[in-house]
Protein backbone atom coordinates (compact mmCIF):
# COMPACT_ATOMS: atom_id res chain seq x y z
CA MET A 1 33.83 -44.91 39.44
CA ARG A 2 35.84 -42.16 37.81
CA LYS A 3 34.49 -43.22 34.33
CA LEU A 4 30.93 -43.00 35.69
CA LYS A 5 31.58 -39.45 36.91
CA TYR A 6 32.90 -38.41 33.49
CA PHE A 7 29.89 -40.01 31.80
CA VAL A 8 27.44 -38.14 34.05
CA LEU A 9 29.33 -34.86 33.44
CA ILE A 10 29.14 -35.33 29.66
CA VAL A 11 25.42 -36.07 29.79
CA CYS A 12 24.78 -32.92 31.91
CA LEU A 13 26.71 -30.81 29.44
CA LEU A 14 24.77 -32.22 26.51
CA LEU A 15 21.43 -31.50 28.22
CA LEU A 16 22.58 -27.95 29.02
CA GLY A 17 23.51 -27.40 25.35
CA VAL A 18 20.08 -28.63 24.16
CA PHE A 19 18.36 -26.28 26.65
CA ILE A 20 20.39 -23.25 25.48
CA ILE A 21 19.73 -23.96 21.79
CA GLY A 22 16.01 -24.32 22.52
CA LYS A 23 15.89 -20.97 24.28
CA LEU A 24 17.72 -19.23 21.41
CA GLY A 25 15.35 -20.70 18.85
CA LYS A 26 12.34 -19.43 20.85
CA ASN A 27 13.60 -15.89 21.06
CA SER A 28 14.76 -15.48 17.50
CA THR A 29 13.21 -12.71 15.39
CA PRO A 30 11.31 -13.68 12.20
CA VAL A 31 12.94 -12.48 8.96
CA GLY A 32 11.32 -10.71 6.05
CA THR A 33 9.40 -8.09 8.11
CA PHE A 34 7.50 -5.44 6.11
CA ILE A 35 9.60 -2.30 5.58
CA GLY A 36 9.64 -0.25 8.75
CA ALA A 37 6.78 -2.13 10.40
CA PRO A 38 6.73 -3.49 13.95
CA SER A 39 6.51 -7.28 14.10
CA ASN A 40 2.81 -7.21 15.10
CA GLU A 41 1.77 -5.08 12.16
CA LEU A 42 2.24 -5.36 8.39
CA VAL A 43 4.58 -8.35 8.14
CA LEU A 44 5.78 -10.35 5.17
CA LYS A 45 7.48 -13.48 6.48
CA GLU A 46 9.71 -15.71 4.47
CA GLY A 47 9.66 -19.48 4.62
CA LEU A 48 5.93 -19.81 5.14
CA ASP A 49 3.78 -22.35 3.31
CA GLU A 50 1.89 -21.13 0.22
CA LYS A 51 -1.42 -20.73 2.06
CA ALA A 52 0.13 -18.60 4.77
CA GLU A 53 2.01 -16.46 2.23
CA ASN A 54 -1.19 -15.83 0.25
CA SER A 55 -3.00 -14.84 3.47
CA GLN A 56 -0.23 -12.42 4.43
CA SER A 57 -0.19 -10.92 0.93
CA ASN A 58 -3.94 -10.37 1.14
CA ASP A 59 -3.52 -8.65 4.52
CA ASN A 60 -0.93 -6.27 3.10
CA ALA A 61 -3.02 -5.60 -0.01
CA SER A 62 -6.02 -4.77 2.18
CA TYR A 63 -3.95 -2.20 4.08
CA PHE A 64 -2.99 -0.32 0.86
CA LYS A 65 -6.48 -0.58 -0.57
CA GLY A 66 -7.98 0.74 2.60
CA LEU A 67 -5.63 3.71 2.72
CA VAL A 68 -6.35 4.60 -0.91
CA LEU A 69 -10.15 4.42 -0.28
CA LYS A 70 -9.92 6.65 2.76
CA LEU A 71 -7.93 9.22 0.82
CA ILE A 72 -10.57 9.29 -1.89
CA GLU A 73 -13.31 9.68 0.71
CA LEU A 74 -11.42 12.48 2.39
CA TYR A 75 -11.10 14.37 -0.88
CA LYS A 76 -14.85 14.06 -1.50
CA SER A 77 -15.91 15.02 2.03
CA GLN A 78 -13.17 17.44 3.16
CA ARG A 79 -15.56 20.37 3.47
CA ASP A 80 -17.60 18.42 6.03
CA LYS A 81 -15.19 19.18 8.90
CA VAL A 82 -16.60 16.59 11.27
CA ARG A 83 -16.38 13.76 8.76
CA ALA A 84 -12.99 15.09 7.54
CA ALA A 85 -11.65 15.09 11.09
CA THR A 86 -12.55 11.43 11.53
CA LEU A 87 -10.93 10.46 8.22
CA ILE A 88 -7.79 12.49 8.95
CA THR A 89 -7.41 10.71 12.29
CA ASP A 90 -7.91 7.32 10.67
CA ILE A 91 -5.41 8.05 7.90
CA GLU A 92 -2.85 9.44 10.39
CA LYS A 93 -2.98 6.03 12.25
CA LEU A 94 -2.62 4.07 9.01
CA VAL A 95 0.40 6.17 7.92
CA ALA A 96 2.04 5.81 11.34
CA LYS A 97 1.37 2.07 11.20
CA SER A 98 3.37 1.65 8.00
CA ARG A 99 6.40 3.62 9.26
CA ILE A 100 7.31 4.27 5.62
CA ASP A 101 9.05 7.68 5.23
CA ALA A 102 7.52 8.40 1.81
CA PHE A 103 4.05 8.07 3.30
CA SER A 104 4.86 10.38 6.16
CA GLU A 105 6.32 13.03 3.83
CA ARG A 106 3.33 12.98 1.48
CA TRP A 107 0.90 12.96 4.32
CA GLU A 108 2.56 15.94 5.95
CA THR A 109 2.27 17.89 2.64
CA LEU A 110 -1.35 16.88 2.28
CA THR A 111 -2.30 17.87 5.87
CA LEU A 112 -0.78 21.32 5.34
CA CYS A 113 -2.97 21.66 2.25
CA LEU A 114 -5.96 20.51 4.25
CA ALA A 115 -5.65 23.36 6.71
CA ASP A 116 -8.50 25.18 4.94
CA PHE A 117 -10.39 21.95 4.19
CA ASP A 118 -10.35 22.79 0.48
CA CYS A 119 -7.29 20.95 -0.90
CA LYS A 120 -6.93 20.43 -4.64
CA ALA A 121 -6.98 16.98 -6.20
CA ASP A 122 -3.28 16.93 -7.28
CA LYS A 123 -2.07 16.68 -3.63
CA PHE A 124 -4.39 13.73 -3.05
CA PHE A 125 -3.22 12.16 -6.32
CA ASP A 126 0.40 12.46 -5.19
CA MET A 127 -0.39 10.63 -1.96
CA ILE A 128 -2.50 7.96 -3.68
CA ALA A 129 0.29 7.35 -6.25
CA THR A 130 2.87 6.96 -3.47
CA VAL A 131 0.68 4.49 -1.58
CA SER A 132 -0.14 2.53 -4.73
CA LEU A 133 3.47 2.33 -5.87
CA GLU A 134 4.54 0.87 -2.51
CA GLY A 135 1.49 -1.36 -2.45
CA ALA A 136 2.39 -2.84 -5.82
CA LYS A 137 5.49 -4.32 -4.15
CA HIS A 138 3.42 -5.98 -1.42
CA GLY A 139 0.43 -7.65 -3.01
CA PHE A 140 -1.72 -4.72 -4.16
CA GLU A 141 -2.45 -6.08 -7.64
CA ASN A 142 -3.81 -2.86 -9.13
CA GLY A 143 -1.25 -0.59 -7.48
CA LYS A 144 0.88 -0.20 -10.62
CA LEU A 145 -2.23 0.39 -12.73
CA ILE A 146 -3.31 3.25 -10.46
CA VAL A 147 0.15 4.82 -10.69
CA GLU A 148 0.09 4.66 -14.49
CA LEU A 149 -3.46 6.09 -14.58
CA LEU A 150 -2.33 9.07 -12.52
CA THR A 151 0.78 9.45 -14.71
CA ALA A 152 -1.46 9.58 -17.77
CA ASP A 153 -3.63 12.24 -16.09
CA LYS A 154 -0.59 14.26 -15.10
CA TYR A 155 0.75 14.43 -18.68
CA TRP A 156 -2.62 14.60 -20.47
CA GLY A 157 -2.54 17.64 -22.74
CA THR A 158 1.11 18.43 -22.06
CA ASP A 159 4.19 18.36 -24.35
CA ASN A 160 5.50 15.21 -22.66
CA VAL A 161 4.00 12.85 -25.22
CA VAL A 162 6.45 10.03 -24.54
CA GLU A 163 5.58 9.56 -20.86
CA PHE A 164 1.90 10.22 -21.62
CA SER A 165 1.88 7.56 -24.35
CA LYS A 166 3.63 4.97 -22.19
CA ALA A 167 1.12 5.48 -19.38
CA VAL A 168 -1.94 5.43 -21.63
CA LYS A 169 -0.78 2.24 -23.38
CA TYR A 170 -0.14 0.53 -20.07
CA VAL A 171 -3.59 1.48 -18.66
CA ASN A 172 -5.39 0.60 -21.92
CA ASP A 173 -3.73 -2.80 -22.12
CA ALA A 174 -4.29 -3.59 -18.43
CA VAL A 175 -8.03 -2.72 -18.34
CA GLN A 176 -8.78 -5.23 -21.06
CA GLU A 177 -8.48 -7.91 -18.33
CA LYS A 178 -10.65 -6.02 -15.90
CA SER A 179 -14.43 -5.85 -15.25
CA ASP A 180 -16.88 -4.03 -17.54
CA LYS A 181 -17.25 -1.28 -14.93
CA ILE A 182 -13.54 -0.56 -14.98
CA LYS A 183 -13.45 -0.64 -18.82
CA GLN A 184 -16.34 1.80 -18.88
CA ALA A 185 -14.65 4.08 -16.35
CA TRP A 186 -11.50 4.15 -18.54
CA GLN A 187 -13.52 4.84 -21.66
CA GLU A 188 -15.12 7.86 -19.99
CA ILE A 189 -11.66 9.19 -19.11
CA VAL A 190 -10.55 8.74 -22.74
CA VAL A 191 -13.64 10.53 -24.03
CA CYS A 192 -13.10 13.36 -21.56
CA ASP A 193 -9.60 13.75 -23.09
CA GLY A 194 -8.37 15.78 -20.13
CA LYS A 195 -10.73 18.63 -20.96
CA CYS A 196 -14.08 18.00 -19.29
CA LYS A 197 -15.03 19.48 -15.90
CA GLU A 198 -15.58 15.94 -14.49
CA ARG A 199 -11.93 15.01 -15.16
CA THR A 200 -10.91 14.73 -11.48
CA MET A 201 -14.01 12.79 -10.43
CA LEU A 202 -13.68 10.38 -13.35
CA ASN A 203 -10.12 9.53 -12.25
CA LEU A 204 -11.16 9.15 -8.62
CA GLU A 205 -14.05 6.85 -9.63
CA MET A 206 -11.72 4.60 -11.62
CA ILE A 207 -9.15 4.53 -8.79
CA GLU A 208 -11.92 3.53 -6.38
CA LEU A 209 -13.02 0.71 -8.67
CA LEU A 210 -9.43 -0.51 -8.92
CA ALA A 211 -8.97 -0.39 -5.16
CA ARG A 212 -12.11 -2.44 -4.67
CA ASP A 213 -11.31 -4.92 -7.48
């Protein structure tokens, strides 16, 4: 009788252990969460199958592409205060969603510049470069290319020929694998040579093509 009691006690303890382990497994937090993002937002999870990983990478890339495209649209339409107000609100939500400090800092600088709804392109380019650089780490295939394009523009016509040359070579090599539209956009930038009045718009047009690629 005593042996039976011990046997029942052991079985009960084993069942209790299985129950506790099951509860802990259910409540565990997934690893590999996107930098600063809540678990229901931009997440990059480890240990997923290849199809799930590709899907998550595409979701993250879409976020960065969407933010870049909204910044370009805001630059073009900033003097239309109604349209600009809508875009500023949308971008504010996207920046908050990422919870990336660099985004918040650049966005704060840009919004101060936007107070008169006539902000120069260089402030937009700074924000676009920051977004693209971070995006390159999280599935935005053309993120690095956009950064190098803006680096080339920054040093075009300056004494910093080393950084300029590195950036131009990177862009020129990379666009050879891209569409004819992107190749043509790059050729127009080269012909402009940093001197034409369309310089800013040419860069924005190429960035837009890369973000949609």
